[in-house]
Amino acid sequence: MRLLAVLLLTGSLAAASDERPTVPRAGATPRPATNDTVGEYRGTYETGFEISWFHPCGAERGDDNWWVTLGNDALRQRDSLAKKLDGQPRTVFVRWRGTVSPKMPAGAGHMGRGSRYMLVTEILELKPVESGGCAQA
């Protein structure tokens, strides 16, 4: 129930926001997560059975495992971009826009192992981890 409330809140906030965040320069220091606002984030994304984790670049220890939900447009973008990759990697480097929940003291995501929830609304980049990462983005 808590997940549903977070997703509804973050989805309505994302839909209500007309502001598009600026794109950070390559090598720029990542900004900390801003609760309940649309922002641009980059890091690694793991997907699979009961797996949907995002590990943002530059995140603090203990706040580096976010449970991801993809909006309909982002889901289509992910699937389209993933078709261009060799094989079917379970972990990829991403740059995307989304809304992040506040840090959850009781945990977030599958088995409560994460620190936040994230609703992704747009995927800007998706590539193999080997070809880029936080240090190279």
C-alpha atoms as a PDB file:
ATOM      1  CA  MET A   1       0.000   0.000   0.000  1.00  0.00           C
ATOM      2  CA  ARG A   2       2.864   2.349   0.841  1.00  0.00           C
ATOM      3  CA  LEU A   3       4.420   1.697  -2.592  1.00  0.00           C
ATOM      4  CA  LEU A   4       1.127   2.549  -4.305  1.00  0.00           C
ATOM      5  CA  ALA A   5       0.875   5.816  -2.381  1.00  0.00           C
ATOM      6  CA  VAL A   6       4.468   6.744  -3.264  1.00  0.00           C
ATOM      7  CA  LEU A   7       3.960   5.932  -6.940  1.00  0.00           C
ATOM      8  CA  LEU A   8       0.701   7.879  -7.118  1.00  0.00           C
ATOM      9  CA  LEU A   9       2.286  10.866  -5.420  1.00  0.00           C
ATOM     10  CA  THR A  10       5.428  10.832  -7.530  1.00  0.00           C
ATOM     11  CA  GLY A  11       3.464  10.245 -10.728  1.00  0.00           C
ATOM     12  CA  SER A  12       1.182  13.210 -10.086  1.00  0.00           C
ATOM     13  CA  LEU A  13       4.146  15.401  -9.207  1.00  0.00           C
ATOM     14  CA  ALA A  14       5.944  14.379 -12.390  1.00  0.00           C
ATOM     15  CA  ALA A  15       2.864  15.071 -14.501  1.00  0.00           C
ATOM     16  CA  ALA A  16       2.323  18.470 -12.884  1.00  0.00           C
ATOM     17  CA  SER A  17       5.895  19.630 -13.470  1.00  0.00           C
ATOM     18  CA  ASP A  18       6.597  21.503 -16.700  1.00  0.00           C
ATOM     19  CA  GLU A  19      10.128  22.329 -15.609  1.00  0.00           C
ATOM     20  CA  ARG A  20      12.872  20.360 -17.357  1.00  0.00           C
ATOM     21  CA  PRO A  21      16.094  20.076 -15.373  1.00  0.00           C
ATOM     22  CA  THR A  22      19.370  21.083 -16.912  1.00  0.00           C
ATOM     23  CA  VAL A  23      21.671  18.377 -18.215  1.00  0.00           C
ATOM     24  CA  PRO A  24      24.857  18.125 -16.144  1.00  0.00           C
ATOM     25  CA  ARG A  25      28.199  18.488 -17.904  1.00  0.00           C
ATOM     26  CA  ALA A  26      30.294  15.370 -18.333  1.00  0.00           C
ATOM     27  CA  GLY A  27      32.412  14.896 -15.238  1.00  0.00           C
ATOM     28  CA  ALA A  28      30.243  17.269 -13.176  1.00  0.00           C
ATOM     29  CA  THR A  29      29.665  16.384  -9.545  1.00  0.00           C
ATOM     30  CA  PRO A  30      26.286  14.638  -9.238  1.00  0.00           C
ATOM     31  CA  ARG A  31      23.613  16.519  -7.328  1.00  0.00           C
ATOM     32  CA  PRO A  32      22.007  14.772  -4.376  1.00  0.00           C
ATOM     33  CA  ALA A  33      18.524  13.364  -4.877  1.00  0.00           C
ATOM     34  CA  THR A  34      15.799  15.965  -4.487  1.00  0.00           C
ATOM     35  CA  ASN A  35      12.665  14.411  -3.058  1.00  0.00           C
ATOM     36  CA  ASP A  36       9.479  14.485  -5.124  1.00  0.00           C
ATOM     37  CA  THR A  37      10.825  16.604  -7.990  1.00  0.00           C
ATOM     38  CA  VAL A  38      11.741  15.588 -11.525  1.00  0.00           C
ATOM     39  CA  GLY A  39      15.511  15.368 -11.948  1.00  0.00           C
ATOM     40  CA  GLU A  40      18.115  13.822 -14.197  1.00  0.00           C
ATOM     41  CA  TYR A  41      20.069  10.894 -12.783  1.00  0.00           C
ATOM     42  CA  ARG A  42      22.783   8.584 -14.065  1.00  0.00           C
ATOM     43  CA  GLY A  43      24.095   5.295 -12.782  1.00  0.00           C
ATOM     44  CA  THR A  44      23.637   1.562 -13.227  1.00  0.00           C
ATOM     45  CA  TYR A  45      20.284  -0.159 -13.605  1.00  0.00           C
ATOM     46  CA  GLU A  46      19.730  -3.846 -12.813  1.00  0.00           C
ATOM     47  CA  THR A  47      16.678  -5.640 -14.160  1.00  0.00           C
ATOM     48  CA  GLY A  48      15.351  -9.177 -14.018  1.00  0.00           C
ATOM     49  CA  PHE A  49      12.976 -11.375 -12.034  1.00  0.00           C
ATOM     50  CA  GLU A  50      12.085  -9.410  -8.870  1.00  0.00           C
ATOM     51  CA  ILE A  51      14.970  -7.048  -9.681  1.00  0.00           C
ATOM     52  CA  SER A  52      14.581  -3.401 -10.617  1.00  0.00           C
ATOM     53  CA  TRP A  53      17.420  -1.533  -8.888  1.00  0.00           C
ATOM     54  CA  PHE A  54      19.110   1.752  -9.705  1.00  0.00           C
ATOM     55  CA  HIS A  55      22.517   2.620  -8.257  1.00  0.00           C
ATOM     56  CA  PRO A  56      23.044   6.368  -8.813  1.00  0.00           C
ATOM     57  CA  CYS A  57      26.489   7.793  -9.472  1.00  0.00           C
ATOM     58  CA  GLY A  58      27.918   9.573  -6.458  1.00  0.00           C
ATOM     59  CA  ALA A  59      25.266   8.335  -4.018  1.00  0.00           C
ATOM     60  CA  GLU A  60      26.077   8.167  -0.338  1.00  0.00           C
ATOM     61  CA  ARG A  61      26.648   4.761   1.195  1.00  0.00           C
ATOM     62  CA  GLY A  62      23.313   3.480   2.493  1.00  0.00           C
ATOM     63  CA  ASP A  63      21.397   5.540  -0.073  1.00  0.00           C
ATOM     64  CA  ASP A  64      22.674   3.860  -3.226  1.00  0.00           C
ATOM     65  CA  ASN A  65      20.029   1.208  -3.935  1.00  0.00           C
ATOM     66  CA  TRP A  66      16.736   2.606  -5.310  1.00  0.00           C
ATOM     67  CA  TRP A  67      13.714   0.559  -6.421  1.00  0.00           C
ATOM     68  CA  VAL A  68      12.723   1.601  -9.956  1.00  0.00           C
ATOM     69  CA  THR A  69       9.323   1.751 -11.613  1.00  0.00           C
ATOM     70  CA  LEU A  70       9.229   2.761 -15.269  1.00  0.00           C
ATOM     71  CA  GLY A  71       6.378   4.850 -16.662  1.00  0.00           C
ATOM     72  CA  ASN A  72       4.793   3.643 -19.925  1.00  0.00           C
ATOM     73  CA  ASP A  73       6.923   5.901 -22.168  1.00  0.00           C
ATOM     74  CA  ALA A  74      10.124   5.010 -20.310  1.00  0.00           C
ATOM     75  CA  LEU A  75       9.286   1.304 -20.529  1.00  0.00           C
ATOM     76  CA  ARG A  76       8.926   1.551 -24.312  1.00  0.00           C
ATOM     77  CA  GLN A  77      12.166   3.554 -24.540  1.00  0.00           C
ATOM     78  CA  ARG A  78      14.020   0.983 -22.420  1.00  0.00           C
ATOM     79  CA  ASP A  79      12.816  -1.929 -24.528  1.00  0.00           C
ATOM     80  CA  SER A  80      13.671  -0.132 -27.781  1.00  0.00           C
ATOM     81  CA  LEU A  81      17.164   0.852 -26.628  1.00  0.00           C
ATOM     82  CA  ALA A  82      17.847  -2.587 -25.117  1.00  0.00           C
ATOM     83  CA  LYS A  83      17.202  -4.247 -28.505  1.00  0.00           C
ATOM     84  CA  LYS A  84      20.282  -2.439 -29.839  1.00  0.00           C
ATOM     85  CA  LEU A  85      22.558  -4.031 -27.216  1.00  0.00           C
ATOM     86  CA  ASP A  86      24.410  -7.308 -27.789  1.00  0.00           C
ATOM     87  CA  GLY A  87      22.922 -10.109 -25.737  1.00  0.00           C
ATOM     88  CA  GLN A  88      20.589  -9.224 -22.923  1.00  0.00           C
ATOM     89  CA  PRO A  89      22.641  -7.607 -20.174  1.00  0.00           C
ATOM     90  CA  ARG A  90      21.019  -7.566 -16.741  1.00  0.00           C
ATOM     91  CA  THR A  91      22.954  -4.443 -15.723  1.00  0.00           C
ATOM     92  CA  VAL A  92      23.316  -1.358 -17.925  1.00  0.00           C
ATOM     93  CA  PHE A  93      24.466   2.224 -17.548  1.00  0.00           C
ATOM     94  CA  VAL A  94      21.582   4.718 -17.795  1.00  0.00           C
ATOM     95  CA  ARG A  95      20.967   8.430 -17.862  1.00  0.00           C
ATOM     96  CA  TRP A  96      17.318   9.227 -17.291  1.00  0.00           C
ATOM     97  CA  ARG A  97      14.746  11.593 -15.805  1.00  0.00           C
ATOM     98  CA  GLY A  98      12.515  10.658 -12.955  1.00  0.00           C
ATOM     99  CA  THR A  99      10.997  11.451  -9.588  1.00  0.00           C
ATOM    100  CA  VAL A 100      12.602  10.160  -6.408  1.00  0.00           C
ATOM    101  CA  SER A 101      10.866   9.501  -3.095  1.00  0.00           C
ATOM    102  CA  PRO A 102      12.263  10.611   0.244  1.00  0.00           C
ATOM    103  CA  LYS A 103      14.651   8.156   1.877  1.00  0.00           C
ATOM    104  CA  MET A 104      12.586   5.345   3.384  1.00  0.00           C
ATOM    105  CA  PRO A 105      13.607   4.466   6.944  1.00  0.00           C
ATOM    106  CA  ALA A 106      11.891   1.050   6.760  1.00  0.00           C
ATOM    107  CA  GLY A 107      13.375   0.220   3.360  1.00  0.00           C
ATOM    108  CA  ALA A 108      12.068   0.301  -0.198  1.00  0.00           C
ATOM    109  CA  GLY A 109      11.534  -2.156  -3.011  1.00  0.00           C
ATOM    110  CA  HIS A 110      11.745  -5.920  -3.036  1.00  0.00           C
ATOM    111  CA  MET A 111      12.277  -7.275   0.483  1.00  0.00           C
ATOM    112  CA  GLY A 112      12.844  -3.692   1.732  1.00  0.00           C
ATOM    113  CA  ARG A 113      16.494  -3.744   0.613  1.00  0.00           C
ATOM    114  CA  GLY A 114      16.470  -0.310  -1.019  1.00  0.00           C
ATOM    115  CA  SER A 115      16.590   3.197   0.364  1.00  0.00           C
ATOM    116  CA  ARG A 116      14.210   5.000  -2.049  1.00  0.00           C
ATOM    117  CA  TYR A 117      11.622   4.559  -4.770  1.00  0.00           C
ATOM    118  CA  MET A 118      12.107   6.074  -8.222  1.00  0.00           C
ATOM    119  CA  LEU A 119       9.560   6.637 -10.984  1.00  0.00           C
ATOM    120  CA  VAL A 120      11.368   6.995 -14.332  1.00  0.00           C
ATOM    121  CA  THR A 121       9.578   9.096 -16.951  1.00  0.00           C
ATOM    122  CA  GLU A 122      12.205   9.390 -19.714  1.00  0.00           C
ATOM    123  CA  ILE A 123      15.324   7.450 -20.687  1.00  0.00           C
ATOM    124  CA  LEU A 124      18.021   9.641 -22.227  1.00  0.00           C
ATOM    125  CA  GLU A 125      20.771   7.035 -22.587  1.00  0.00           C
ATOM    126  CA  LEU A 126      21.144   3.293 -22.081  1.00  0.00           C
ATOM    127  CA  LYS A 127      24.400   1.463 -22.839  1.00  0.00           C
ATOM    128  CA  PRO A 128      26.490  -1.474 -21.661  1.00  0.00           C
ATOM    129  CA  VAL A 129      28.256  -0.903 -18.364  1.00  0.00           C
ATOM    130  CA  GLU A 130      31.617  -1.695 -19.994  1.00  0.00           C
ATOM    131  CA  SER A 131      31.302   1.213 -22.448  1.00  0.00           C
ATOM    132  CA  GLY A 132      30.589   3.838 -19.844  1.00  0.00           C
ATOM    133  CA  GLY A 133      30.052   4.395 -16.217  1.00  0.00           C
ATOM    134  CA  CYS A 134      29.905   7.051 -13.573  1.00  0.00           C
ATOM    135  CA  ALA A 135      33.530   8.116 -14.102  1.00  0.00           C
ATOM    136  CA  GLN A 136      33.111   8.365 -17.891  1.00  0.00           C
ATOM    137  CA  ALA A 137      29.612   9.884 -18.141  1.00  0.00           C
END
